[in-house]
Amino acid sequence: MTDQEMSAYLRENGYPEHIIHAGRKGLIERWRKFVGEVERGYKFGLEDYRNDLDLRGIISMLGMDEEVSELDKRFEALLIEREKRIWESSGENPFWDFGYPSNAGRLLVEDIRKEGLIS
């Protein structure tokens, strides 16, 4: 995916202009911010969580997995219920689509329950 195609994709999918403008660097920075939010205790609901997982899918689609490998390790260490698929951010079975943070806030846990993914 070229930078122009990436910008068009992000714009069409509602990503903020500051991320679109920052390009690949902005995607990595947003993933870094998300991982930090998860480490501190994710306070948002399932829709926001899935949007962030989509962001990771885009990073993968662009072939930037190596650039976020340390962030991925930090994020993956927090996931529980790893057999539960929470989202489908890509055609493969990426680790980030399975499970949810062990320190998920009330909103995320309630939303996951409403979806019937946990009891």
PDB file of N, CA and C in Angstrom:
ATOM      1  N   MET A   1       0.851  -1.177   0.000  1.00  0.00           N
ATOM      2  CA  MET A   1       0.000   0.000   0.000  1.00  0.00           C
ATOM      3  C   MET A   1       0.895   1.238   0.000  1.00  0.00           C
ATOM      4  N   THR A   2       0.654   2.116  -0.918  1.00  0.00           N
ATOM      5  CA  THR A   2       1.432   3.350  -0.982  1.00  0.00           C
ATOM      6  C   THR A   2       0.976   4.296   0.126  1.00  0.00           C
ATOM      7  N   ASP A   3       1.766   5.321   0.376  1.00  0.00           N
ATOM      8  CA  ASP A   3       1.375   6.314   1.374  1.00  0.00           C
ATOM      9  C   ASP A   3       0.065   6.995   0.989  1.00  0.00           C
ATOM     10  N   GLN A   4      -0.126   7.248  -0.292  1.00  0.00           N
ATOM     11  CA  GLN A   4      -1.357   7.884  -0.761  1.00  0.00           C
ATOM     12  C   GLN A   4      -2.558   6.958  -0.533  1.00  0.00           C
ATOM     13  N   GLU A   5      -2.408   5.685  -0.843  1.00  0.00           N
ATOM     14  CA  GLU A   5      -3.488   4.713  -0.617  1.00  0.00           C
ATOM     15  C   GLU A   5      -3.785   4.570   0.874  1.00  0.00           C
ATOM     16  N   MET A   6      -2.734   4.575   1.676  1.00  0.00           N
ATOM     17  CA  MET A   6      -2.905   4.485   3.116  1.00  0.00           C
ATOM     18  C   MET A   6      -3.680   5.690   3.638  1.00  0.00           C
ATOM     19  N   SER A   7      -3.325   6.876   3.184  1.00  0.00           N
ATOM     20  CA  SER A   7      -4.020   8.092   3.614  1.00  0.00           C
ATOM     21  C   SER A   7      -5.489   8.044   3.211  1.00  0.00           C
ATOM     22  N   ALA A   8      -5.756   7.605   2.013  1.00  0.00           N
ATOM     23  CA  ALA A   8      -7.146   7.498   1.548  1.00  0.00           C
ATOM     24  C   ALA A   8      -7.921   6.488   2.393  1.00  0.00           C
ATOM     25  N   TYR A   9      -7.307   5.349   2.696  1.00  0.00           N
ATOM     26  CA  TYR A   9      -7.958   4.317   3.507  1.00  0.00           C
ATOM     27  C   TYR A   9      -8.283   4.852   4.902  1.00  0.00           C
ATOM     28  N   LEU A  10      -7.314   5.506   5.517  1.00  0.00           N
ATOM     29  CA  LEU A  10      -7.527   6.052   6.858  1.00  0.00           C
ATOM     30  C   LEU A  10      -8.622   7.106   6.854  1.00  0.00           C
ATOM     31  N   ARG A  11      -8.608   7.971   5.860  1.00  0.00           N
ATOM     32  CA  ARG A  11      -9.619   9.022   5.759  1.00  0.00           C
ATOM     33  C   ARG A  11     -11.009   8.411   5.572  1.00  0.00           C
ATOM     34  N   GLU A  12     -11.121   7.439   4.677  1.00  0.00           N
ATOM     35  CA  GLU A  12     -12.410   6.782   4.418  1.00  0.00           C
ATOM     36  C   GLU A  12     -12.946   6.048   5.644  1.00  0.00           C
ATOM     37  N   ASN A  13     -12.041   5.629   6.528  1.00  0.00           N
ATOM     38  CA  ASN A  13     -12.443   4.883   7.712  1.00  0.00           C
ATOM     39  C   ASN A  13     -12.486   5.743   8.974  1.00  0.00           C
ATOM     40  N   GLY A  14     -12.476   7.052   8.793  1.00  0.00           N
ATOM     41  CA  GLY A  14     -12.735   7.973   9.895  1.00  0.00           C
ATOM     42  C   GLY A  14     -11.604   8.242  10.866  1.00  0.00           C
ATOM     43  N   TYR A  15     -10.368   7.944  10.480  1.00  0.00           N
ATOM     44  CA  TYR A  15      -9.262   8.232  11.384  1.00  0.00           C
ATOM     45  C   TYR A  15      -9.025   9.739  11.431  1.00  0.00           C
ATOM     46  N   PRO A  16      -8.575  10.240  12.576  1.00  0.00           N
ATOM     47  CA  PRO A  16      -8.353  11.688  12.710  1.00  0.00           C
ATOM     48  C   PRO A  16      -7.280  12.180  11.741  1.00  0.00           C
ATOM     49  N   GLU A  17      -7.438  13.424  11.324  1.00  0.00           N
ATOM     50  CA  GLU A  17      -6.510  14.018  10.354  1.00  0.00           C
ATOM     51  C   GLU A  17      -5.066  14.011  10.853  1.00  0.00           C
ATOM     52  N   HIS A  18      -4.857  14.195  12.166  1.00  0.00           N
ATOM     53  CA  HIS A  18      -3.474  14.228  12.661  1.00  0.00           C
ATOM     54  C   HIS A  18      -2.782  12.874  12.466  1.00  0.00           C
ATOM     55  N   ILE A  19      -3.522  11.780  12.530  1.00  0.00           N
ATOM     56  CA  ILE A  19      -2.932  10.460  12.284  1.00  0.00           C
ATOM     57  C   ILE A  19      -2.698  10.273  10.791  1.00  0.00           C
ATOM     58  N   ILE A  20      -3.665  10.686   9.987  1.00  0.00           N
ATOM     59  CA  ILE A  20      -3.525  10.581   8.531  1.00  0.00           C
ATOM     60  C   ILE A  20      -2.315  11.389   8.072  1.00  0.00           C
ATOM     61  N   HIS A  21      -2.225  12.597   8.559  1.00  0.00           N
ATOM     62  CA  HIS A  21      -1.131  13.487   8.172  1.00  0.00           C
ATOM     63  C   HIS A  21       0.226  12.937   8.626  1.00  0.00           C
ATOM     64  N   ALA A  22       0.266  12.322   9.797  1.00  0.00           N
ATOM     65  CA  ALA A  22       1.528  11.802  10.325  1.00  0.00           C
ATOM     66  C   ALA A  22       1.964  10.520   9.621  1.00  0.00           C
ATOM     67  N   GLY A  23       1.043   9.881   8.884  1.00  0.00           N
ATOM     68  CA  GLY A  23       1.385   8.694   8.092  1.00  0.00           C
ATOM     69  C   GLY A  23       1.789   7.502   8.936  1.00  0.00           C
ATOM     70  N   ARG A  24       2.752   6.778   8.429  1.00  0.00           N
ATOM     71  CA  ARG A  24       3.205   5.551   9.099  1.00  0.00           C
ATOM     72  C   ARG A  24       3.669   5.824  10.527  1.00  0.00           C
ATOM     73  N   LYS A  25       4.383   6.917  10.702  1.00  0.00           N
ATOM     74  CA  LYS A  25       4.850   7.299  12.034  1.00  0.00           C
ATOM     75  C   LYS A  25       3.655   7.544  12.966  1.00  0.00           C
ATOM     76  N   GLY A  26       2.613   8.155  12.437  1.00  0.00           N
ATOM     77  CA  GLY A  26       1.418   8.422  13.239  1.00  0.00           C
ATOM     78  C   GLY A  26       0.704   7.151  13.650  1.00  0.00           C
ATOM     79  N   LEU A  27       0.680   6.158  12.754  1.00  0.00           N
ATOM     80  CA  LEU A  27       0.052   4.881  13.087  1.00  0.00           C
ATOM     81  C   LEU A  27       0.795   4.208  14.241  1.00  0.00           C
ATOM     82  N   ILE A  28       2.105   4.215  14.159  1.00  0.00           N
ATOM     83  CA  ILE A  28       2.905   3.601  15.217  1.00  0.00           C
ATOM     84  C   ILE A  28       2.721   4.355  16.529  1.00  0.00           C
ATOM     85  N   GLU A  29       2.687   5.673  16.454  1.00  0.00           N
ATOM     86  CA  GLU A  29       2.503   6.465  17.667  1.00  0.00           C
ATOM     87  C   GLU A  29       1.123   6.207  18.285  1.00  0.00           C
ATOM     88  N   ARG A  30       0.110   6.080  17.452  1.00  0.00           N
ATOM     89  CA  ARG A  30      -1.236   5.793  17.973  1.00  0.00           C
ATOM     90  C   ARG A  30      -1.282   4.405  18.609  1.00  0.00           C
ATOM     91  N   TRP A  31      -0.599   3.422  18.027  1.00  0.00           N
ATOM     92  CA  TRP A  31      -0.538   2.082  18.634  1.00  0.00           C
ATOM     93  C   TRP A  31       0.184   2.155  19.981  1.00  0.00           C
ATOM     94  N   ARG A  32       1.242   2.945  20.038  1.00  0.00           N
ATOM     95  CA  ARG A  32       1.984   3.138  21.293  1.00  0.00           C
ATOM     96  C   ARG A  32       1.057   3.724  22.362  1.00  0.00           C
ATOM     97  N   LYS A  33       0.274   4.706  21.964  1.00  0.00           N
ATOM     98  CA  LYS A  33      -0.659   5.337  22.908  1.00  0.00           C
ATOM     99  C   LYS A  33      -1.701   4.325  23.386  1.00  0.00           C
ATOM    100  N   PHE A  34      -2.227   3.534  22.467  1.00  0.00           N
ATOM    101  CA  PHE A  34      -3.217   2.516  22.825  1.00  0.00           C
ATOM    102  C   PHE A  34      -2.628   1.507  23.807  1.00  0.00           C
ATOM    103  N   VAL A  35      -1.438   1.004  23.537  1.00  0.00           N
ATOM    104  CA  VAL A  35      -0.800   0.034  24.424  1.00  0.00           C
ATOM    105  C   VAL A  35      -0.638   0.646  25.815  1.00  0.00           C
ATOM    106  N   GLY A  36      -0.247   1.899  25.879  1.00  0.00           N
ATOM    107  CA  GLY A  36      -0.138   2.584  27.173  1.00  0.00           C
ATOM    108  C   GLY A  36      -1.474   2.665  27.884  1.00  0.00           C
ATOM    109  N   GLU A  37      -2.546   2.957  27.132  1.00  0.00           N
ATOM    110  CA  GLU A  37      -3.888   3.003  27.728  1.00  0.00           C
ATOM    111  C   GLU A  37      -4.265   1.640  28.297  1.00  0.00           C
ATOM    112  N   VAL A  38      -3.948   0.591  27.567  1.00  0.00           N
ATOM    113  CA  VAL A  38      -4.248  -0.764  28.033  1.00  0.00           C
ATOM    114  C   VAL A  38      -3.431  -1.079  29.288  1.00  0.00           C
ATOM    115  N   GLU A  39      -2.180  -0.702  29.291  1.00  0.00           N
ATOM    116  CA  GLU A  39      -1.338  -0.977  30.461  1.00  0.00           C
ATOM    117  C   GLU A  39      -1.856  -0.268  31.715  1.00  0.00           C
ATOM    118  N   ARG A  40      -2.409   0.918  31.541  1.00  0.00           N
ATOM    119  CA  ARG A  40      -2.935   1.679  32.678  1.00  0.00           C
ATOM    120  C   ARG A  40      -4.338   1.226  33.080  1.00  0.00           C
ATOM    121  N   GLY A  41      -5.000   0.472  32.220  1.00  0.00           N
ATOM    122  CA  GLY A  41      -6.371   0.036  32.481  1.00  0.00           C
ATOM    123  C   GLY A  41      -7.293   0.668  31.450  1.00  0.00           C
ATOM    124  N   TYR A  42      -7.684  -0.100  30.469  1.00  0.00           N
ATOM    125  CA  TYR A  42      -8.466   0.425  29.341  1.00  0.00           C
ATOM    126  C   TYR A  42      -9.841   0.869  29.819  1.00  0.00           C
ATOM    127  N   LYS A  43     -10.172   2.143  29.619  1.00  0.00           N
ATOM    128  CA  LYS A  43     -11.390   2.727  30.159  1.00  0.00           C
ATOM    129  C   LYS A  43     -12.515   2.886  29.135  1.00  0.00           C
ATOM    130  N   PHE A  44     -12.248   2.525  27.891  1.00  0.00           N
ATOM    131  CA  PHE A  44     -13.228   2.752  26.849  1.00  0.00           C
ATOM    132  C   PHE A  44     -13.999   1.474  26.549  1.00  0.00           C
ATOM    133  N   GLY A  45     -15.010   1.588  25.694  1.00  0.00           N
ATOM    134  CA  GLY A  45     -15.854   0.456  25.356  1.00  0.00           C
ATOM    135  C   GLY A  45     -15.333  -0.355  24.184  1.00  0.00           C
ATOM    136  N   LEU A  46     -16.149  -1.321  23.784  1.00  0.00           N
ATOM    137  CA  LEU A  46     -15.759  -2.271  22.752  1.00  0.00           C
ATOM    138  C   LEU A  46     -15.577  -1.624  21.385  1.00  0.00           C
ATOM    139  N   GLU A  47     -16.391  -0.658  21.033  1.00  0.00           N
ATOM    140  CA  GLU A  47     -16.243  -0.003  19.731  1.00  0.00           C
ATOM    141  C   GLU A  47     -14.884   0.677  19.617  1.00  0.00           C
ATOM    142  N   ASP A  48     -14.484   1.394  20.657  1.00  0.00           N
ATOM    143  CA  ASP A  48     -13.169   2.042  20.653  1.00  0.00           C
ATOM    144  C   ASP A  48     -12.054   1.004  20.615  1.00  0.00           C
ATOM    145  N   TYR A  49     -12.224  -0.054  21.391  1.00  0.00           N
ATOM    146  CA  TYR A  49     -11.218  -1.117  21.439  1.00  0.00           C
ATOM    147  C   TYR A  49     -11.041  -1.735  20.047  1.00  0.00           C
ATOM    148  N   ARG A  50     -12.145  -2.014  19.396  1.00  0.00           N
ATOM    149  CA  ARG A  50     -12.071  -2.605  18.053  1.00  0.00           C
ATOM    150  C   ARG A  50     -11.448  -1.641  17.047  1.00  0.00           C
ATOM    151  N   ASN A  51     -11.724  -0.358  17.189  1.00  0.00           N
ATOM    152  CA  ASN A  51     -11.083   0.627  16.310  1.00  0.00           C
ATOM    153  C   ASN A  51      -9.567   0.576  16.462  1.00  0.00           C
ATOM    154  N   ASP A  52      -9.112   0.416  17.692  1.00  0.00           N
ATOM    155  CA  ASP A  52      -7.674   0.331  17.923  1.00  0.00           C
ATOM    156  C   ASP A  52      -7.103  -0.972  17.384  1.00  0.00           C
ATOM    157  N   LEU A  53      -7.860  -2.047  17.455  1.00  0.00           N
ATOM    158  CA  LEU A  53      -7.402  -3.301  16.853  1.00  0.00           C
ATOM    159  C   LEU A  53      -7.333  -3.166  15.327  1.00  0.00           C
ATOM    160  N   ASP A  54      -8.271  -2.416  14.743  1.00  0.00           N
ATOM    161  CA  ASP A  54      -8.208  -2.146  13.302  1.00  0.00           C
ATOM    162  C   ASP A  54      -6.921  -1.406  12.954  1.00  0.00           C
ATOM    163  N   LEU A  55      -6.538  -0.490  13.813  1.00  0.00           N
ATOM    164  CA  LEU A  55      -5.298   0.245  13.613  1.00  0.00           C
ATOM    165  C   LEU A  55      -4.115  -0.719  13.537  1.00  0.00           C
ATOM    166  N   ARG A  56      -4.100  -1.707  14.434  1.00  0.00           N
ATOM    167  CA  ARG A  56      -3.007  -2.686  14.410  1.00  0.00           C
ATOM    168  C   ARG A  56      -3.055  -3.513  13.134  1.00  0.00           C
ATOM    169  N   GLY A  57      -4.272  -3.801  12.665  1.00  0.00           N
ATOM    170  CA  GLY A  57      -4.419  -4.513  11.397  1.00  0.00           C
ATOM    171  C   GLY A  57      -3.826  -3.734  10.239  1.00  0.00           C
ATOM    172  N   ILE A  58      -4.020  -2.437  10.232  1.00  0.00           N
ATOM    173  CA  ILE A  58      -3.457  -1.581   9.183  1.00  0.00           C
ATOM    174  C   ILE A  58      -1.933  -1.598   9.262  1.00  0.00           C
ATOM    175  N   ILE A  59      -1.404  -1.525  10.459  1.00  0.00           N
ATOM    176  CA  ILE A  59       0.046  -1.579  10.638  1.00  0.00           C
ATOM    177  C   ILE A  59       0.591  -2.870  10.031  1.00  0.00           C
ATOM    178  N   SER A  60      -0.103  -3.957  10.276  1.00  0.00           N
ATOM    179  CA  SER A  60       0.321  -5.239   9.711  1.00  0.00           C
ATOM    180  C   SER A  60       0.201  -5.243   8.190  1.00  0.00           C
ATOM    181  N   MET A  61      -0.909  -4.719   7.698  1.00  0.00           N
ATOM    182  CA  MET A  61      -1.144  -4.670   6.262  1.00  0.00           C
ATOM    183  C   MET A  61      -0.042  -3.886   5.552  1.00  0.00           C
ATOM    184  N   LEU A  62       0.517  -2.910   6.236  1.00  0.00           N
ATOM    185  CA  LEU A  62       1.577  -2.087   5.669  1.00  0.00           C
ATOM    186  C   LEU A  62       2.962  -2.710   5.849  1.00  0.00           C
ATOM    187  N   GLY A  63       3.012  -3.893   6.477  1.00  0.00           N
ATOM    188  CA  GLY A  63       4.280  -4.572   6.659  1.00  0.00           C
ATOM    189  C   GLY A  63       5.166  -3.954   7.724  1.00  0.00           C
ATOM    190  N   MET A  64       4.545  -3.345   8.725  1.00  0.00           N
ATOM    191  CA  MET A  64       5.313  -2.649   9.763  1.00  0.00           C
ATOM    192  C   MET A  64       5.329  -3.420  11.082  1.00  0.00           C
ATOM    193  N   ASP A  65       5.091  -4.728  11.041  1.00  0.00           N
ATOM    194  CA  ASP A  65       5.043  -5.524  12.268  1.00  0.00           C
ATOM    195  C   ASP A  65       6.326  -5.419  13.088  1.00  0.00           C
ATOM    196  N   GLU A  66       7.443  -5.466  12.425  1.00  0.00           N
ATOM    197  CA  GLU A  66       8.725  -5.415  13.135  1.00  0.00           C
ATOM    198  C   GLU A  66       8.879  -4.111  13.914  1.00  0.00           C
ATOM    199  N   GLU A  67       8.345  -3.044  13.369  1.00  0.00           N
ATOM    200  CA  GLU A  67       8.480  -1.736  14.011  1.00  0.00           C
ATOM    201  C   GLU A  67       7.676  -1.614  15.294  1.00  0.00           C
ATOM    202  N   VAL A  68       6.706  -2.484  15.490  1.00  0.00           N
ATOM    203  CA  VAL A  68       5.877  -2.430  16.699  1.00  0.00           C
ATOM    204  C   VAL A  68       6.004  -3.693  17.548  1.00  0.00           C
ATOM    205  N   SER A  69       7.007  -4.494  17.287  1.00  0.00           N
ATOM    206  CA  SER A  69       7.127  -5.787  17.974  1.00  0.00           C
ATOM    207  C   SER A  69       7.235  -5.642  19.490  1.00  0.00           C
ATOM    208  N   GLU A  70       7.962  -4.648  19.965  1.00  0.00           N
ATOM    209  CA  GLU A  70       8.068  -4.455  21.419  1.00  0.00           C
ATOM    210  C   GLU A  70       6.734  -4.023  22.011  1.00  0.00           C
ATOM    211  N   LEU A  71       6.028  -3.160  21.312  1.00  0.00           N
ATOM    212  CA  LEU A  71       4.690  -2.760  21.770  1.00  0.00           C
ATOM    213  C   LEU A  71       3.754  -3.965  21.777  1.00  0.00           C
ATOM    214  N   ASP A  72       3.858  -4.787  20.754  1.00  0.00           N
ATOM    215  CA  ASP A  72       3.026  -5.994  20.679  1.00  0.00           C
ATOM    216  C   ASP A  72       3.272  -6.914  21.868  1.00  0.00           C
ATOM    217  N   LYS A  73       4.522  -7.089  22.252  1.00  0.00           N
ATOM    218  CA  LYS A  73       4.843  -7.952  23.394  1.00  0.00           C
ATOM    219  C   LYS A  73       4.191  -7.422  24.665  1.00  0.00           C
ATOM    220  N   ARG A  74       4.251  -6.115  24.852  1.00  0.00           N
ATOM    221  CA  ARG A  74       3.642  -5.504  26.037  1.00  0.00           C
ATOM    222  C   ARG A  74       2.132  -5.699  26.033  1.00  0.00           C
ATOM    223  N   PHE A  75       1.523  -5.496  24.865  1.00  0.00           N
ATOM    224  CA  PHE A  75       0.076  -5.649  24.743  1.00  0.00           C
ATOM    225  C   PHE A  75      -0.340  -7.100  24.941  1.00  0.00           C
ATOM    226  N   GLU A  76       0.345  -8.002  24.263  1.00  0.00           N
ATOM    227  CA  GLU A  76      -0.022  -9.416  24.328  1.00  0.00           C
ATOM    228  C   GLU A  76       0.077  -9.963  25.753  1.00  0.00           C
ATOM    229  N   ALA A  77       1.018  -9.463  26.532  1.00  0.00           N
ATOM    230  CA  ALA A  77       1.195  -9.926  27.907  1.00  0.00           C
ATOM    231  C   ALA A  77      -0.025  -9.622  28.786  1.00  0.00           C
ATOM    232  N   LEU A  78      -0.849  -8.679  28.369  1.00  0.00           N
ATOM    233  CA  LEU A  78      -2.016  -8.288  29.162  1.00  0.00           C
ATOM    234  C   LEU A  78      -3.304  -9.011  28.767  1.00  0.00           C
ATOM    235  N   LEU A  79      -3.274  -9.760  27.685  1.00  0.00           N
ATOM    236  CA  LEU A  79      -4.499 -10.377  27.178  1.00  0.00           C
ATOM    237  C   LEU A  79      -4.869 -11.647  27.934  1.00  0.00           C
ATOM    238  N   ILE A  80      -6.175 -11.777  28.196  1.00  0.00           N
ATOM    239  CA  ILE A  80      -6.741 -12.985  28.802  1.00  0.00           C
ATOM    240  C   ILE A  80      -7.859 -13.491  27.896  1.00  0.00           C
ATOM    241  N   GLU A  81      -8.386 -14.670  28.220  1.00  0.00           N
ATOM    242  CA  GLU A  81      -9.469 -15.260  27.421  1.00  0.00           C
ATOM    243  C   GLU A  81      -9.052 -15.335  25.955  1.00  0.00           C
ATOM    244  N   ARG A  82      -7.851 -15.828  25.726  1.00  0.00           N
ATOM    245  CA  ARG A  82      -7.229 -15.806  24.403  1.00  0.00           C
ATOM    246  C   ARG A  82      -7.943 -16.671  23.367  1.00  0.00           C
ATOM    247  N   GLU A  83      -8.838 -17.532  23.789  1.00  0.00           N
ATOM    248  CA  GLU A  83      -9.584 -18.346  22.825  1.00  0.00           C
ATOM    249  C   GLU A  83     -10.794 -17.590  22.258  1.00  0.00           C
ATOM    250  N   LYS A  84     -11.121 -16.450  22.847  1.00  0.00           N
ATOM    251  CA  LYS A  84     -12.266 -15.652  22.403  1.00  0.00           C
ATOM    252  C   LYS A  84     -11.831 -14.641  21.352  1.00  0.00           C
ATOM    253  N   ARG A  85     -12.428 -14.734  20.188  1.00  0.00           N
ATOM    254  CA  ARG A  85     -12.121 -13.754  19.138  1.00  0.00           C
ATOM    255  C   ARG A  85     -13.008 -12.535  19.378  1.00  0.00           C
ATOM    256  N   ILE A  86     -12.361 -11.420  19.642  1.00  0.00           N
ATOM    257  CA  ILE A  86     -13.062 -10.177  19.952  1.00  0.00           C
ATOM    258  C   ILE A  86     -13.348  -9.372  18.688  1.00  0.00           C
ATOM    259  N   TRP A  87     -12.500  -9.533  17.684  1.00  0.00           N
ATOM    260  CA  TRP A  87     -12.635  -8.740  16.455  1.00  0.00           C
ATOM    261  C   TRP A  87     -11.934  -9.437  15.316  1.00  0.00           C
ATOM    262  N   GLU A  88     -12.174  -8.967  14.102  1.00  0.00           N
ATOM    263  CA  GLU A  88     -11.485  -9.468  12.919  1.00  0.00           C
ATOM    264  C   GLU A  88     -10.891  -8.279  12.183  1.00  0.00           C
ATOM    265  N   SER A  89      -9.674  -7.946  12.568  1.00  0.00           N
ATOM    266  CA  SER A  89      -9.027  -6.772  11.981  1.00  0.00           C
ATOM    267  C   SER A  89      -8.275  -7.105  10.703  1.00  0.00           C
ATOM    268  N   SER A  90      -8.140  -8.396  10.415  1.00  0.00           N
ATOM    269  CA  SER A  90      -7.496  -8.794   9.165  1.00  0.00           C
ATOM    270  C   SER A  90      -7.966 -10.199   8.802  1.00  0.00           C
ATOM    271  N   GLY A  91      -7.594 -10.640   7.608  1.00  0.00           N
ATOM    272  CA  GLY A  91      -8.018 -11.944   7.139  1.00  0.00           C
ATOM    273  C   GLY A  91      -7.331 -13.104   7.821  1.00  0.00           C
ATOM    274  N   GLU A  92      -6.250 -12.835   8.455  1.00  0.00           N
ATOM    275  CA  GLU A  92      -5.499 -13.876   9.163  1.00  0.00           C
ATOM    276  C   GLU A  92      -6.081 -14.039  10.566  1.00  0.00           C
ATOM    277  N   ASN A  93      -5.324 -14.655  11.441  1.00  0.00           N
ATOM    278  CA  ASN A  93      -5.711 -14.811  12.848  1.00  0.00           C
ATOM    279  C   ASN A  93      -4.679 -14.132  13.747  1.00  0.00           C
ATOM    280  N   PRO A  94      -4.574 -12.818  13.680  1.00  0.00           N
ATOM    281  CA  PRO A  94      -3.549 -12.128  14.454  1.00  0.00           C
ATOM    282  C   PRO A  94      -3.840 -12.204  15.953  1.00  0.00           C
ATOM    283  N   PHE A  95      -2.788 -12.266  16.734  1.00  0.00           N
ATOM    284  CA  PHE A  95      -2.948 -12.417  18.181  1.00  0.00           C
ATOM    285  C   PHE A  95      -3.815 -11.321  18.781  1.00  0.00           C
ATOM    286  N   TRP A  96      -3.737 -10.115  18.260  1.00  0.00           N
ATOM    287  CA  TRP A  96      -4.434  -8.980  18.872  1.00  0.00           C
ATOM    288  C   TRP A  96      -5.954  -9.071  18.754  1.00  0.00           C
ATOM    289  N   ASP A  97      -6.465  -9.909  17.875  1.00  0.00           N
ATOM    290  CA  ASP A  97      -7.919 -10.059  17.737  1.00  0.00           C
ATOM    291  C   ASP A  97      -8.524 -11.026  18.756  1.00  0.00           C
ATOM    292  N   PHE A  98      -7.691 -11.677  19.539  1.00  0.00           N
ATOM    293  CA  PHE A  98      -8.148 -12.694  20.480  1.00  0.00           C
ATOM    294  C   PHE A  98      -7.896 -12.256  21.920  1.00  0.00           C
ATOM    295  N   GLY A  99      -8.910 -12.383  22.736  1.00  0.00           N
ATOM    296  CA  GLY A  99      -8.800 -12.019  24.135  1.00  0.00           C
ATOM    297  C   GLY A  99      -9.046 -10.538  24.354  1.00  0.00           C
ATOM    298  N   TYR A 100      -8.910 -10.159  25.600  1.00  0.00           N
ATOM    299  CA  TYR A 100      -9.072  -8.766  25.982  1.00  0.00           C
ATOM    300  C   TYR A 100      -8.167  -8.502  27.186  1.00  0.00           C
ATOM    301  N   PRO A 101      -7.898  -7.240  27.478  1.00  0.00           N
ATOM    302  CA  PRO A 101      -6.955  -6.921  28.558  1.00  0.00           C
ATOM    303  C   PRO A 101      -7.448  -7.398  29.921  1.00  0.00           C
ATOM    304  N   SER A 102      -6.543  -7.948  30.681  1.00  0.00           N
ATOM    305  CA  SER A 102      -6.873  -8.423  32.026  1.00  0.00           C
ATOM    306  C   SER A 102      -7.328  -7.278  32.928  1.00  0.00           C
ATOM    307  N   ASN A 103      -6.919  -6.075  32.638  1.00  0.00           N
ATOM    308  CA  ASN A 103      -7.302  -4.916  33.439  1.00  0.00           C
ATOM    309  C   ASN A 103      -8.322  -4.041  32.713  1.00  0.00           C
ATOM    310  N   ALA A 104      -9.136  -4.665  31.872  1.00  0.00           N
ATOM    311  CA  ALA A 104     -10.158  -3.922  31.131  1.00  0.00           C
ATOM    312  C   ALA A 104     -11.111  -3.240  32.102  1.00  0.00           C
ATOM    313  N   GLY A 105     -11.507  -2.052  31.743  1.00  0.00           N
ATOM    314  CA  GLY A 105     -12.466  -1.317  32.558  1.00  0.00           C
ATOM    315  C   GLY A 105     -13.878  -1.867  32.406  1.00  0.00           C
ATOM    316  N   ARG A 106     -14.756  -1.336  33.218  1.00  0.00           N
ATOM    317  CA  ARG A 106     -16.146  -1.770  33.266  1.00  0.00           C
ATOM    318  C   ARG A 106     -16.833  -1.690  31.906  1.00  0.00           C
ATOM    319  N   LEU A 107     -16.627  -0.616  31.155  1.00  0.00           N
ATOM    320  CA  LEU A 107     -17.297  -0.451  29.862  1.00  0.00           C
ATOM    321  C   LEU A 107     -16.937  -1.554  28.878  1.00  0.00           C
ATOM    322  N   LEU A 108     -15.656  -1.852  28.770  1.00  0.00           N
ATOM    323  CA  LEU A 108     -15.220  -2.884  27.833  1.00  0.00           C
ATOM    324  C   LEU A 108     -15.758  -4.251  28.241  1.00  0.00           C
ATOM    325  N   VAL A 109     -15.663  -4.576  29.511  1.00  0.00           N
ATOM    326  CA  VAL A 109     -16.157  -5.872  29.981  1.00  0.00           C
ATOM    327  C   VAL A 109     -17.664  -5.987  29.758  1.00  0.00           C
ATOM    328  N   GLU A 110     -18.411  -4.943  30.065  1.00  0.00           N
ATOM    329  CA  GLU A 110     -19.868  -4.971  29.849  1.00  0.00           C
ATOM    330  C   GLU A 110     -20.196  -5.157  28.371  1.00  0.00           C
ATOM    331  N   ASP A 111     -19.499  -4.443  27.508  1.00  0.00           N
ATOM    332  CA  ASP A 111     -19.742  -4.559  26.071  1.00  0.00           C
ATOM    333  C   ASP A 111     -19.416  -5.957  25.554  1.00  0.00           C
ATOM    334  N   ILE A 112     -18.340  -6.541  26.047  1.00  0.00           N
ATOM    335  CA  ILE A 112     -17.967  -7.891  25.623  1.00  0.00           C
ATOM    336  C   ILE A 112     -19.020  -8.895  26.094  1.00  0.00           C
ATOM    337  N   ARG A 113     -19.555  -8.681  27.290  1.00  0.00           N
ATOM    338  CA  ARG A 113     -20.630  -9.550  27.787  1.00  0.00           C
ATOM    339  C   ARG A 113     -21.883  -9.412  26.918  1.00  0.00           C
ATOM    340  N   LYS A 114     -22.225  -8.182  26.583  1.00  0.00           N
ATOM    341  CA  LYS A 114     -23.415  -7.934  25.749  1.00  0.00           C
ATOM    342  C   LYS A 114     -23.297  -8.622  24.395  1.00  0.00           C
ATOM    343  N   GLU A 115     -22.080  -8.748  23.895  1.00  0.00           N
ATOM    344  CA  GLU A 115     -21.826  -9.416  22.626  1.00  0.00           C
ATOM    345  C   GLU A 115     -21.873 -10.947  22.781  1.00  0.00           C
ATOM    346  N   GLY A 116     -21.946 -11.404  24.031  1.00  0.00           N
ATOM    347  CA  GLY A 116     -21.991 -12.840  24.285  1.00  0.00           C
ATOM    348  C   GLY A 116     -20.640 -13.521  24.183  1.00  0.00           C
ATOM    349  N   LEU A 117     -19.570 -12.747  24.271  1.00  0.00           N
ATOM    350  CA  LEU A 117     -18.225 -13.308  24.141  1.00  0.00           C
ATOM    351  C   LEU A 117     -17.684 -13.841  25.463  1.00  0.00           C
ATOM    352  N   ILE A 118     -18.217 -13.320  26.568  1.00  0.00           N
ATOM    353  CA  ILE A 118     -17.889 -13.847  27.891  1.00  0.00           C
ATOM    354  C   ILE A 118     -19.174 -13.861  28.712  1.00  0.00           C
ATOM    355  N   SER A 119     -19.168 -14.644  29.770  1.00  0.00           N
ATOM    356  CA  SER A 119     -20.377 -14.689  30.608  1.00  0.00           C
ATOM    357  C   SER A 119     -20.180 -13.936  31.891  1.00  0.00           C
TER     358      SER A 119
END
